[in-house]
Amino acid sequence: MTKLKLTTIPDDKPVRLTVELPAAVHRDLAAYAEIFTREHGQTVEPAKLVPLMLARFMSTDLVFTRARRAKSAGS
């Protein structure tokens, strides 16, 4: 069994944002959604993964989190 970084899909009110993805990124996103469904038994559309992946990425980017804290402290 693989260990994916995403484990649940929270129910949250979205803000609409339109982006274009390279075809290869879309294929990988669809593959991730398939694997997620197998791992967790919860069917998810690939587009639902994007905000979760972005949030996970930003929360683990140490430079970003430090800069964000410094900006908040300076406000």
C-alpha atoms as a PDB file:
ATOM      1  CA  MET A   1       0.000   0.000   0.000  1.00  0.00           C
ATOM      2  CA  THR A   2       1.342   3.418  -0.942  1.00  0.00           C
ATOM      3  CA  LYS A   3       1.215   6.377   1.408  1.00  0.00           C
ATOM      4  CA  LEU A   4      -0.249   9.436  -0.294  1.00  0.00           C
ATOM      5  CA  LYS A   5       0.189  12.849   1.322  1.00  0.00           C
ATOM      6  CA  LEU A   6      -3.547  13.536   1.000  1.00  0.00           C
ATOM      7  CA  THR A   7      -5.754  11.431   3.254  1.00  0.00           C
ATOM      8  CA  THR A   8      -9.154  13.153   3.294  1.00  0.00           C
ATOM      9  CA  ILE A   9     -11.108  15.631   1.209  1.00  0.00           C
ATOM     10  CA  PRO A  10     -12.595  18.305   3.494  1.00  0.00           C
ATOM     11  CA  ASP A  11     -15.927  19.911   2.719  1.00  0.00           C
ATOM     12  CA  ASP A  12     -15.156  23.614   2.463  1.00  0.00           C
ATOM     13  CA  LYS A  13     -16.796  26.555   0.673  1.00  0.00           C
ATOM     14  CA  PRO A  14     -14.733  27.149  -2.474  1.00  0.00           C
ATOM     15  CA  VAL A  15     -13.598  30.308  -4.223  1.00  0.00           C
ATOM     16  CA  ARG A  16     -13.667  29.938  -8.009  1.00  0.00           C
ATOM     17  CA  LEU A  17     -10.302  30.198  -9.746  1.00  0.00           C
ATOM     18  CA  THR A  18      -9.674  29.246 -13.361  1.00  0.00           C
ATOM     19  CA  VAL A  19      -6.246  27.927 -14.346  1.00  0.00           C
ATOM     20  CA  GLU A  20      -4.749  26.147 -17.325  1.00  0.00           C
ATOM     21  CA  LEU A  21      -2.632  23.058 -16.710  1.00  0.00           C
ATOM     22  CA  PRO A  22      -0.165  21.392 -19.022  1.00  0.00           C
ATOM     23  CA  ALA A  23      -1.580  18.112 -20.361  1.00  0.00           C
ATOM     24  CA  ALA A  24       1.085  16.102 -18.505  1.00  0.00           C
ATOM     25  CA  VAL A  25       0.101  17.689 -15.186  1.00  0.00           C
ATOM     26  CA  HIS A  26      -3.565  16.917 -15.862  1.00  0.00           C
ATOM     27  CA  ARG A  27      -2.723  13.283 -16.631  1.00  0.00           C
ATOM     28  CA  ASP A  28      -0.756  13.016 -13.387  1.00  0.00           C
ATOM     29  CA  LEU A  29      -3.607  14.625 -11.473  1.00  0.00           C
ATOM     30  CA  ALA A  30      -6.076  12.116 -12.936  1.00  0.00           C
ATOM     31  CA  ALA A  31      -3.714   9.258 -12.040  1.00  0.00           C
ATOM     32  CA  TYR A  32      -3.405  10.610  -8.491  1.00  0.00           C
ATOM     33  CA  ALA A  33      -7.204  10.717  -8.210  1.00  0.00           C
ATOM     34  CA  GLU A  34      -7.422   7.082  -9.338  1.00  0.00           C
ATOM     35  CA  ILE A  35      -4.831   5.991  -6.784  1.00  0.00           C
ATOM     36  CA  PHE A  36      -6.563   8.051  -4.084  1.00  0.00           C
ATOM     37  CA  THR A  37      -9.840   6.274  -4.856  1.00  0.00           C
ATOM     38  CA  ARG A  38      -8.176   2.856  -4.573  1.00  0.00           C
ATOM     39  CA  GLU A  39      -6.381   3.787  -1.333  1.00  0.00           C
ATOM     40  CA  HIS A  40      -9.252   5.470   0.484  1.00  0.00           C
ATOM     41  CA  GLY A  41     -12.406   4.185  -1.223  1.00  0.00           C
ATOM     42  CA  GLN A  42     -13.535   7.789  -1.738  1.00  0.00           C
ATOM     43  CA  THR A  43     -14.033   8.803  -5.365  1.00  0.00           C
ATOM     44  CA  VAL A  44     -12.665  12.260  -6.028  1.00  0.00           C
ATOM     45  CA  GLU A  45     -12.567  14.413  -9.144  1.00  0.00           C
ATOM     46  CA  PRO A  46      -9.026  15.483 -10.091  1.00  0.00           C
ATOM     47  CA  ALA A  47      -9.972  19.184  -9.825  1.00  0.00           C
ATOM     48  CA  LYS A  48     -10.885  18.669  -6.133  1.00  0.00           C
ATOM     49  CA  LEU A  49      -7.287  17.637  -5.458  1.00  0.00           C
ATOM     50  CA  VAL A  50      -5.702  20.858  -6.728  1.00  0.00           C
ATOM     51  CA  PRO A  51      -6.539  23.125  -3.759  1.00  0.00           C
ATOM     52  CA  LEU A  52      -5.549  20.409  -1.298  1.00  0.00           C
ATOM     53  CA  MET A  53      -2.233  19.863  -3.025  1.00  0.00           C
ATOM     54  CA  LEU A  54      -1.545  23.604  -3.153  1.00  0.00           C
ATOM     55  CA  ALA A  55      -2.386  23.991   0.542  1.00  0.00           C
ATOM     56  CA  ARG A  56      -0.143  21.046   1.419  1.00  0.00           C
ATOM     57  CA  PHE A  57       2.675  22.446  -0.696  1.00  0.00           C
ATOM     58  CA  MET A  58       2.453  25.910   0.871  1.00  0.00           C
ATOM     59  CA  SER A  59       2.208  24.539   4.418  1.00  0.00           C
ATOM     60  CA  THR A  60       5.427  22.564   3.945  1.00  0.00           C
ATOM     61  CA  ASP A  61       7.399  25.343   2.218  1.00  0.00           C
ATOM     62  CA  LEU A  62       9.576  26.648   5.045  1.00  0.00           C
ATOM     63  CA  VAL A  63      10.640  29.834   3.245  1.00  0.00           C
ATOM     64  CA  PHE A  64       7.002  30.704   2.571  1.00  0.00           C
ATOM     65  CA  THR A  65       5.839  29.986   6.130  1.00  0.00           C
ATOM     66  CA  ARG A  66       8.694  32.033   7.617  1.00  0.00           C
ATOM     67  CA  ALA A  67       8.038  34.957   5.264  1.00  0.00           C
ATOM     68  CA  ARG A  68       4.320  34.798   6.019  1.00  0.00           C
ATOM     69  CA  ARG A  69       4.979  34.845   9.777  1.00  0.00           C
ATOM     70  CA  ALA A  70       7.421  37.736   9.396  1.00  0.00           C
ATOM     71  CA  LYS A  71       4.871  39.707   7.364  1.00  0.00           C
ATOM     72  CA  SER A  72       2.170  39.044   9.985  1.00  0.00           C
ATOM     73  CA  ALA A  73       4.495  40.113  12.792  1.00  0.00           C
ATOM     74  CA  GLY A  74       5.372  43.327  10.934  1.00  0.00           C
ATOM     75  CA  SER A  75       1.761  44.275  10.209  1.00  0.00           C
END
